[in-house]
Amino acid sequence: MLESETYRIPYLGLKNGIHKYEFDADETFFSKFEQSLLLKAKVNYEVQLEKLSTHINLEIDLVGLVGTDCDRCGADLTSQIQGDFRVVVKFGDETSDLTDDLIVLGPSEHFVNLDQLFFEFSHLCLPVRNVHGNEFDCNQEALAALKKFKIKEKDEDIDPRWAALKNLK
């Protein structure tokens, strides 16, 4: 993924203090990432950059609607996401990502690139399981096909040592 000029902040020349920025991303932005799970998107990012003499503190708040596939039936699903994240940007000898919330910029860097951060933070806000709130909203043909392959439990296969646990209800 090539870094975009749209999602970067030049920090050289900024005075020490707090600076606020706002960015928007849609499915065009997320389609640039090969492993993106977001089919459709409209996400707003509010970035507060606090420049200090030794480092930069970033606070990124995001809110938006994203489209993914339903994990139950495979149909399109729209979810609302929101989150807030903090990242520290330090200056060092070479550019590297030390941890999830610490970035080191080398002397040749003049911008804070936000592409990868926006991508990762948006995916971190997705629910663990993306399913329709109501099973009736799912693709009924897909659910019917899944029921054909459902494995039925047999009571006779249960180890007798564990059978006594069923009576503890």
Protein backbone atom coordinates (compact mmCIF):
# COMPACT_ATOMS: atom_id res chain seq x y z
CA MET A 1 0.00 0.00 0.00
CA LEU A 2 1.46 3.32 -1.04
CA GLU A 3 1.08 6.12 1.43
CA SER A 4 -1.40 8.77 0.44
CA GLU A 5 -0.76 12.49 0.70
CA THR A 6 -4.33 12.91 1.87
CA TYR A 7 -3.79 11.21 5.23
CA ARG A 8 -0.55 12.72 6.45
CA ILE A 9 0.35 15.68 8.62
CA PRO A 10 3.52 17.71 8.13
CA TYR A 11 4.99 18.31 11.57
CA LEU A 12 8.03 20.38 10.61
CA GLY A 13 7.24 24.03 11.13
CA LEU A 14 4.37 23.36 13.54
CA LYS A 15 4.61 25.28 16.77
CA ASN A 16 4.56 23.40 20.04
CA GLY A 17 1.00 22.96 21.22
CA ILE A 18 -2.26 21.35 20.15
CA HIS A 19 -3.34 21.19 16.51
CA LYS A 20 -6.60 19.64 15.27
CA TYR A 21 -7.26 17.91 11.96
CA GLU A 22 -10.21 16.13 10.41
CA PHE A 23 -10.15 13.41 7.76
CA ASP A 24 -12.78 11.33 5.97
CA ALA A 25 -12.33 7.89 4.47
CA ASP A 26 -14.59 5.80 2.26
CA GLU A 27 -14.42 2.45 0.47
CA THR A 28 -11.86 3.87 -1.99
CA PHE A 29 -9.38 4.31 0.87
CA PHE A 30 -9.98 0.83 2.30
CA SER A 31 -9.81 -0.85 -1.13
CA LYS A 32 -6.12 0.13 -1.31
CA PHE A 33 -5.41 -2.36 1.47
CA GLU A 34 -5.31 -5.95 0.29
CA GLN A 35 -6.55 -7.44 3.58
CA SER A 36 -9.42 -5.00 4.18
CA LEU A 37 -12.69 -6.44 5.50
CA LEU A 38 -14.63 -3.25 4.80
CA LEU A 39 -16.67 -3.34 1.58
CA LYS A 40 -18.31 0.04 2.05
CA ALA A 41 -17.34 2.78 4.45
CA LYS A 42 -17.90 6.34 5.49
CA VAL A 43 -15.65 7.07 8.45
CA ASN A 44 -14.72 10.41 10.00
CA TYR A 45 -11.43 10.79 11.91
CA GLU A 46 -10.73 13.66 14.27
CA VAL A 47 -7.02 13.91 15.03
CA GLN A 48 -5.60 16.00 17.82
CA LEU A 49 -1.85 16.42 17.48
CA GLU A 50 0.04 17.74 20.47
CA LYS A 51 3.55 18.72 19.44
CA LEU A 52 6.12 18.82 22.20
CA SER A 53 9.85 19.44 21.89
CA THR A 54 10.70 15.73 22.39
CA HIS A 55 7.74 13.91 20.84
CA ILE A 56 4.23 14.14 19.41
CA ASN A 57 1.05 12.83 21.04
CA LEU A 58 -1.76 11.84 18.69
CA GLU A 59 -5.36 11.33 19.79
CA ILE A 60 -7.50 9.80 17.06
CA ASP A 61 -11.29 9.63 17.44
CA LEU A 62 -13.26 7.86 14.74
CA VAL A 63 -16.94 7.36 14.03
CA GLY A 64 -18.68 6.02 10.96
CA LEU A 65 -20.67 3.38 9.13
CA VAL A 66 -18.97 0.42 7.50
CA GLY A 67 -20.21 -2.42 5.33
CA THR A 68 -18.97 -5.96 5.85
CA ASP A 69 -20.25 -9.48 5.23
CA CYS A 70 -22.53 -11.15 7.78
CA ASP A 71 -20.68 -14.01 9.47
CA ARG A 72 -23.89 -16.06 9.64
CA CYS A 73 -25.26 -15.81 6.10
CA GLY A 74 -22.69 -13.93 3.99
CA ALA A 75 -25.06 -11.09 3.05
CA ASP A 76 -24.10 -7.42 3.22
CA LEU A 77 -24.19 -5.95 6.72
CA THR A 78 -23.84 -2.32 7.80
CA SER A 79 -22.33 -1.62 11.23
CA GLN A 80 -21.63 1.55 13.13
CA ILE A 81 -18.11 1.89 14.50
CA GLN A 82 -16.58 4.33 16.92
CA GLY A 83 -13.41 4.46 18.95
CA ASP A 84 -10.61 6.57 20.32
CA PHE A 85 -6.93 5.74 20.21
CA ARG A 86 -3.70 7.27 21.43
CA VAL A 87 -0.33 7.08 19.67
CA VAL A 88 3.05 8.54 20.68
CA VAL A 89 5.42 9.60 17.90
CA LYS A 90 9.08 9.93 18.91
CA PHE A 91 12.09 11.03 16.93
CA GLY A 92 15.02 8.65 16.46
CA ASP A 93 17.79 7.46 14.18
CA GLU A 94 15.53 5.44 11.87
CA THR A 95 11.81 5.07 11.17
CA SER A 96 10.09 2.10 12.83
CA ASP A 97 6.89 0.97 14.52
CA LEU A 98 8.03 -0.26 17.92
CA THR A 99 4.61 -1.10 19.35
CA ASP A 100 0.96 -0.52 18.50
CA ASP A 101 1.00 2.86 20.20
CA LEU A 102 4.60 4.02 19.62
CA ILE A 103 6.08 5.14 16.31
CA VAL A 104 9.65 6.32 15.81
CA LEU A 105 10.36 8.72 12.93
CA GLY A 106 13.83 9.01 11.45
CA PRO A 107 15.56 12.29 10.59
CA SER A 108 14.50 12.07 6.93
CA GLU A 109 10.77 11.95 7.81
CA HIS A 110 8.84 15.21 7.68
CA PHE A 111 5.28 13.87 7.91
CA VAL A 112 3.21 11.74 10.26
CA ASN A 113 1.53 9.20 7.95
CA LEU A 114 -1.90 8.16 9.17
CA ASP A 115 -2.94 5.67 6.44
CA GLN A 116 -1.99 2.50 8.30
CA LEU A 117 -3.26 3.84 11.63
CA PHE A 118 -6.67 4.71 10.17
CA PHE A 119 -6.91 1.29 8.54
CA GLU A 120 -5.96 -0.64 11.68
CA PHE A 121 -8.06 1.44 14.08
CA SER A 122 -11.15 1.11 11.86
CA HIS A 123 -10.78 -2.68 11.81
CA LEU A 124 -10.19 -2.80 15.57
CA CYS A 125 -13.58 -1.13 16.07
CA LEU A 126 -15.43 -3.90 14.23
CA PRO A 127 -17.38 -6.29 16.43
CA VAL A 128 -15.85 -9.72 17.00
CA ARG A 129 -18.83 -11.32 15.31
CA ASN A 130 -20.52 -9.46 12.45
CA VAL A 131 -24.09 -10.73 12.28
CA HIS A 132 -27.49 -9.21 11.64
CA GLY A 133 -29.26 -8.24 14.86
CA ASN A 134 -32.21 -10.40 13.92
CA GLU A 135 -31.86 -13.78 12.21
CA PHE A 136 -34.83 -12.90 9.96
CA ASP A 137 -32.70 -10.15 8.34
CA CYS A 138 -30.23 -12.79 7.14
CA ASN A 139 -30.30 -14.42 3.73
CA GLN A 140 -32.87 -17.19 4.31
CA GLU A 141 -31.59 -19.34 1.43
CA ALA A 142 -28.10 -19.39 2.98
CA LEU A 143 -29.52 -20.26 6.41
CA ALA A 144 -31.55 -23.12 4.91
CA ALA A 145 -28.43 -24.48 3.20
CA LEU A 146 -26.50 -24.28 6.48
CA LYS A 147 -29.19 -26.21 8.35
CA LYS A 148 -28.72 -29.14 5.96
CA PHE A 149 -25.15 -29.54 7.19
CA LYS A 150 -25.79 -29.00 10.90
CA ILE A 151 -24.39 -31.81 13.01
CA LYS A 152 -26.91 -33.32 15.37
CA GLU A 153 -25.69 -34.40 18.78
CA LYS A 154 -26.45 -37.91 19.90
CA ASP A 155 -27.05 -38.55 23.59
CA GLU A 156 -25.68 -42.08 23.37
CA ASP A 157 -22.18 -40.85 22.44
CA ILE A 158 -21.74 -38.97 25.73
CA ASP A 159 -19.17 -40.36 28.12
CA PRO A 160 -21.10 -41.68 31.16
CA ARG A 161 -18.81 -39.75 33.50
CA TRP A 162 -20.10 -36.52 31.98
CA ALA A 163 -23.75 -37.56 31.73
CA ALA A 164 -24.27 -36.75 35.42
CA LEU A 165 -23.50 -33.09 34.67
CA LYS A 166 -26.72 -32.78 32.64
CA ASN A 167 -28.71 -33.27 35.84
CA LEU A 168 -27.13 -30.25 37.56
CA LYS A 169 -29.45 -27.72 35.89
